[in-house]
């Protein structure tokens, strides 16, 4: 339901987190289909952050019909080449054919017009399914140029907390330390050099402004639990304010 409700909002994309959240891939597939079937415009995308580089996770995620996968902790061009080999159909890679669930993520009432996976296969062959590594370690930072120049890599998502830990800083999604800002700049510069998009966390207006000023193209603006908690707290505040006003202005029952 959260995926479907999110699809009716003004968001451009969602990133379904199968790395740190305890999700099974049947649930992830349902979330992709729920989001894409409700989305009223083709510019909305469902990305899946997979748990690892493992072939099974890559295959399951892509066969869901998602718009792309985000792969955590990519540290070298060798690792990225192996990921691309598992993610792309021949002749570029060795992805196995079998995206039978993918058409149900096409948007609209796909179930009533199921025509098999052929159209999805052609989109995948044309490179319309995004393959996005996460750079979030000192080693990945050092190798970002070699990673991002590879054909088949569509962009990069910077994992700020793990990146900060890897370069000796406290975990956080933002910061002003010179070494952190230099790391962001190095990755962004490498991505732009090869025509790849760059994403990162951008929670709040100030953080979004900073990341946008640094040249980043897409941002995660909130988490589902953050949005839910914010909505709960806002509604509770209004309800309590109304009750307090009522208590101050209402006539006591004993006086009625």
Protein backbone atom coordinates (compact mmCIF):
# COMPACT_ATOMS: atom_id res chain seq x y z
CA UNK A 1 0.00 0.00 0.00
CA UNK A 2 2.84 2.41 0.80
CA UNK A 3 4.28 1.84 -2.69
CA UNK A 4 0.89 2.53 -4.29
CA UNK A 5 0.27 5.66 -2.22
CA UNK A 6 3.76 6.92 -3.03
CA UNK A 7 3.03 6.50 -6.73
CA UNK A 8 0.20 9.03 -6.45
CA UNK A 9 2.55 11.66 -4.99
CA UNK A 10 4.78 14.05 -6.88
CA UNK A 11 7.81 11.78 -6.65
CA UNK A 12 9.85 10.98 -9.74
CA UNK A 13 11.16 7.65 -8.45
CA UNK A 14 11.34 5.33 -5.48
CA UNK A 15 14.29 3.26 -4.33
CA UNK A 16 13.11 0.04 -2.73
CA UNK A 17 15.72 -0.96 -0.16
CA UNK A 18 16.35 -4.70 -0.17
CA UNK A 19 19.82 -4.24 1.33
CA UNK A 20 19.10 -3.04 4.86
CA UNK A 21 15.35 -3.72 5.05
CA UNK A 22 14.25 -7.35 5.71
CA UNK A 23 12.34 -7.76 2.45
CA UNK A 24 11.85 -10.94 0.47
CA UNK A 25 11.85 -10.70 -3.29
CA UNK A 26 8.21 -11.65 -3.68
CA UNK A 27 7.44 -8.57 -1.55
CA UNK A 28 9.88 -6.45 -3.55
CA UNK A 29 8.24 -7.57 -6.80
CA UNK A 30 4.80 -6.72 -5.43
CA UNK A 31 6.08 -3.27 -4.42
CA UNK A 32 7.47 -2.64 -7.90
CA UNK A 33 4.21 -3.70 -9.54
CA UNK A 34 2.14 -1.73 -7.03
CA UNK A 35 4.11 1.45 -7.64
CA UNK A 36 4.30 1.14 -11.42
CA UNK A 37 0.67 0.09 -11.91
CA UNK A 38 -0.63 3.13 -10.01
CA UNK A 39 1.84 5.64 -11.45
CA UNK A 40 -0.03 7.82 -13.92
CA UNK A 41 3.04 8.91 -15.88
CA UNK A 42 5.87 6.98 -17.51
CA UNK A 43 8.49 9.28 -15.96
CA UNK A 44 8.07 7.58 -12.58
CA UNK A 45 10.57 4.85 -11.89
CA UNK A 46 11.05 2.07 -9.35
CA UNK A 47 14.65 1.26 -8.49
CA UNK A 48 15.70 -1.66 -6.29
CA UNK A 49 18.76 -1.47 -4.08
CA UNK A 50 19.81 -5.11 -4.00
CA UNK A 51 21.61 -6.70 -1.02
CA UNK A 52 24.78 -7.81 -2.80
CA UNK A 53 26.48 -8.50 -6.12
CA UNK A 54 25.16 -12.07 -6.15
CA UNK A 55 23.70 -13.39 -9.41
CA UNK A 56 20.45 -14.52 -7.79
CA UNK A 57 19.67 -11.09 -6.37
CA UNK A 58 20.48 -9.35 -9.65
CA UNK A 59 18.32 -11.77 -11.63
CA UNK A 60 15.33 -11.61 -9.29
CA UNK A 61 15.42 -7.83 -9.10
CA UNK A 62 15.65 -7.29 -12.84
CA UNK A 63 12.99 -9.91 -13.61
CA UNK A 64 10.54 -7.97 -11.41
CA UNK A 65 10.32 -5.38 -14.17
CA UNK A 66 11.89 -2.59 -12.13
CA UNK A 67 13.30 0.49 -13.81
CA UNK A 68 16.80 -0.32 -12.62
CA UNK A 69 18.99 -1.75 -9.89
CA UNK A 70 21.30 0.00 -7.45
CA UNK A 71 24.23 -2.19 -6.42
CA UNK A 72 25.88 -1.53 -3.04
CA UNK A 73 29.59 -1.30 -2.26
CA UNK A 74 31.11 -1.48 -5.74
CA UNK A 75 34.83 -1.09 -5.16
CA UNK A 76 36.53 -1.77 -8.49
CA UNK A 77 36.07 -1.95 -12.24
CA UNK A 78 36.54 -5.73 -12.01
CA UNK A 79 33.56 -6.00 -9.65
CA UNK A 80 31.51 -3.73 -11.90
CA UNK A 81 32.33 -5.77 -15.01
CA UNK A 82 31.08 -8.91 -13.24
CA UNK A 83 27.86 -7.11 -12.26
CA UNK A 84 27.30 -5.96 -15.84
CA UNK A 85 27.91 -9.49 -17.11
CA UNK A 86 25.13 -10.75 -14.81
CA UNK A 87 22.79 -7.83 -15.55
CA UNK A 88 22.80 -7.50 -19.35
CA UNK A 89 21.45 -9.83 -22.01
CA UNK A 90 23.78 -11.24 -24.69
CA UNK A 91 25.81 -10.19 -26.51
CA UNK A 92 26.98 -7.66 -23.88
CA UNK A 93 26.37 -9.92 -20.89
CA UNK A 94 25.06 -13.33 -19.90
CA UNK A 95 21.76 -12.51 -18.22
CA UNK A 96 19.38 -15.46 -18.36
CA UNK A 97 16.07 -14.92 -20.16
CA UNK A 98 12.89 -15.28 -18.11
CA UNK A 99 11.34 -11.92 -17.17
CA UNK A 100 7.80 -13.31 -17.04
CA UNK A 101 6.71 -10.96 -14.24
CA UNK A 102 8.24 -7.85 -15.81
CA UNK A 103 5.25 -6.91 -18.03
CA UNK A 104 3.08 -6.48 -14.93
CA UNK A 105 5.27 -3.52 -13.96
CA UNK A 106 4.50 -1.71 -17.20
CA UNK A 107 1.90 0.60 -15.66
CA UNK A 108 -1.83 0.63 -16.14
CA UNK A 109 -3.85 -2.57 -16.22
CA UNK A 110 -1.07 -4.81 -17.54
CA UNK A 111 -2.80 -7.95 -16.31
CA UNK A 112 -5.67 -7.49 -18.78
CA UNK A 113 -3.36 -7.11 -21.77
CA UNK A 114 -0.53 -9.52 -20.96
CA UNK A 115 1.48 -10.11 -24.10
CA UNK A 116 4.52 -11.84 -22.65
CA UNK A 117 8.01 -10.53 -21.95
CA UNK A 118 8.99 -9.59 -25.49
CA UNK A 119 8.53 -5.83 -25.15
CA UNK A 120 10.43 -5.77 -21.86
CA UNK A 121 13.24 -7.79 -23.42
CA UNK A 122 13.63 -5.26 -26.22
CA UNK A 123 13.70 -2.38 -23.74
CA UNK A 124 16.38 -4.15 -21.73
CA UNK A 125 18.42 -4.82 -24.87
CA UNK A 126 18.18 -1.11 -25.72
CA UNK A 127 19.68 -0.25 -22.34
CA UNK A 128 16.51 1.24 -20.85
CA UNK A 129 16.91 -0.61 -17.54
CA UNK A 130 19.35 1.34 -15.36
CA UNK A 131 22.43 -0.29 -13.81
CA UNK A 132 23.69 1.99 -11.04
CA UNK A 133 26.63 1.14 -8.76
CA UNK A 134 26.96 2.64 -5.31
CA UNK A 135 30.31 4.17 -4.48
CA UNK A 136 30.55 4.20 -0.71
CA UNK A 137 34.08 3.17 0.26
CA UNK A 138 37.61 4.51 0.10
CA UNK A 139 38.50 1.84 -2.45
CA UNK A 140 35.49 2.70 -4.60
CA UNK A 141 36.40 6.37 -4.36
CA UNK A 142 39.94 5.64 -5.55
CA UNK A 143 38.60 3.58 -8.46
CA UNK A 144 35.55 5.69 -9.36
CA UNK A 145 36.94 6.82 -12.71
CA UNK A 146 37.58 3.24 -13.85
CA UNK A 147 34.16 2.11 -12.59
CA UNK A 148 32.16 4.89 -14.20
CA UNK A 149 33.79 4.80 -17.61
CA UNK A 150 32.47 1.29 -18.26
CA UNK A 151 29.87 0.93 -20.99
CA UNK A 152 26.62 -0.27 -19.42
CA UNK A 153 26.98 1.78 -16.25
CA UNK A 154 24.18 4.36 -16.34
CA UNK A 155 25.03 6.41 -13.28
CA UNK A 156 26.23 6.29 -9.70
CA UNK A 157 24.60 6.62 -6.31
CA UNK A 158 26.87 7.85 -3.52
CA UNK A 159 26.34 6.20 -0.14
CA UNK A 160 27.37 9.02 2.20
CA UNK A 161 27.32 7.22 5.55
CA UNK A 162 29.52 4.29 4.53
CA UNK A 163 31.75 6.57 2.48
CA UNK A 164 32.31 8.77 5.52
CA UNK A 165 33.10 5.75 7.69
CA UNK A 166 35.57 4.48 5.11
CA UNK A 167 37.54 7.74 5.08
CA UNK A 168 37.66 8.02 8.87
CA UNK A 169 34.62 10.19 9.61
CA UNK A 170 31.51 9.58 11.69
CA UNK A 171 28.55 8.06 9.79
CA UNK A 172 26.07 10.69 8.59
CA UNK A 173 24.18 11.52 5.43
CA UNK A 174 25.80 14.96 5.17
CA UNK A 175 28.77 16.90 6.45
CA UNK A 176 31.09 19.83 5.84
CA UNK A 177 34.46 18.13 6.35
CA UNK A 178 36.87 18.99 3.50
CA UNK A 179 37.70 15.33 2.84
CA UNK A 180 34.02 14.42 2.56
CA UNK A 181 33.26 17.28 0.18
CA UNK A 182 36.35 16.40 -1.86
CA UNK A 183 35.12 12.80 -2.14
CA UNK A 184 31.70 13.94 -3.37
CA UNK A 185 33.38 16.23 -5.87
CA UNK A 186 35.69 13.52 -7.19
CA UNK A 187 32.85 11.06 -7.81
CA UNK A 188 30.62 13.71 -9.39
CA UNK A 189 33.43 14.90 -11.67
CA UNK A 190 34.14 11.35 -12.84
CA UNK A 191 30.46 10.73 -13.56
CA UNK A 192 30.08 13.93 -15.55
CA UNK A 193 33.25 13.12 -17.50
CA UNK A 194 31.57 9.99 -18.86
CA UNK A 195 28.04 11.37 -19.18
CA UNK A 196 26.63 9.43 -16.22
CA UNK A 197 24.02 10.72 -13.76
CA UNK A 198 24.86 11.16 -10.07
CA UNK A 199 22.57 10.60 -7.09
CA UNK A 200 22.88 10.95 -3.33
CA UNK A 201 20.89 11.71 -0.21
CA UNK A 202 19.26 15.15 -0.19
CA UNK A 203 16.93 15.25 2.80
CA UNK A 204 15.75 18.77 3.51
CA UNK A 205 15.96 21.96 1.46
CA UNK A 206 19.50 22.89 2.49
CA UNK A 207 20.94 19.44 1.74
CA UNK A 208 19.14 19.35 -1.61
CA UNK A 209 20.51 22.79 -2.44
CA UNK A 210 24.07 21.72 -1.63
CA UNK A 211 23.90 18.51 -3.62
CA UNK A 212 22.26 20.27 -6.56
CA UNK A 213 24.93 22.98 -6.47
CA UNK A 214 27.57 20.24 -6.59
CA UNK A 215 26.08 18.97 -9.85
CA UNK A 216 24.07 15.99 -8.68
CA UNK A 217 21.12 14.91 -10.81
CA UNK A 218 18.77 12.94 -8.55
CA UNK A 219 18.25 12.85 -4.80
CA UNK A 220 16.54 10.72 -2.20
CA UNK A 221 14.42 13.33 -0.43
CA UNK A 222 12.92 11.19 2.34
CA UNK A 223 12.49 7.69 3.73
CA UNK A 224 9.11 5.98 3.98
CA UNK A 225 9.35 5.79 7.77
CA UNK A 226 10.38 9.44 7.94
CA UNK A 227 7.43 10.54 5.84
CA UNK A 228 5.02 8.37 7.85
CA UNK A 229 6.40 9.59 11.18
CA UNK A 230 6.25 13.19 10.01
CA UNK A 231 2.63 12.76 8.94
CA UNK A 232 1.68 11.07 12.21
CA UNK A 233 3.33 13.77 14.29
CA UNK A 234 1.76 16.57 12.27
CA UNK A 235 -1.72 15.07 12.64
CA UNK A 236 -1.21 14.36 16.35
CA UNK A 237 -0.09 17.94 16.92
CA UNK A 238 -3.21 19.26 15.20
CA UNK A 239 -5.49 16.89 17.12
CA UNK A 240 -3.95 17.76 20.48
CA UNK A 241 -4.12 21.46 19.68
CA UNK A 242 -7.80 21.12 18.86
CA UNK A 243 -8.51 19.21 22.08
CA UNK A 244 -6.61 21.77 24.14
CA UNK A 245 -8.57 24.61 22.55
CA UNK A 246 -11.81 22.75 23.21
CA UNK A 247 -10.93 22.28 26.87
CA UNK A 248 -10.27 25.98 27.26
CA UNK A 249 -13.44 27.14 25.56
CA UNK A 250 -16.04 24.44 26.25
CA UNK A 251 -18.65 24.76 29.01
CA UNK A 252 -18.07 22.08 31.72
CA UNK A 253 -20.72 19.33 31.75
CA UNK A 254 -21.58 20.17 35.36
CA UNK A 255 -22.78 23.59 34.23
CA UNK A 256 -25.03 22.32 31.45
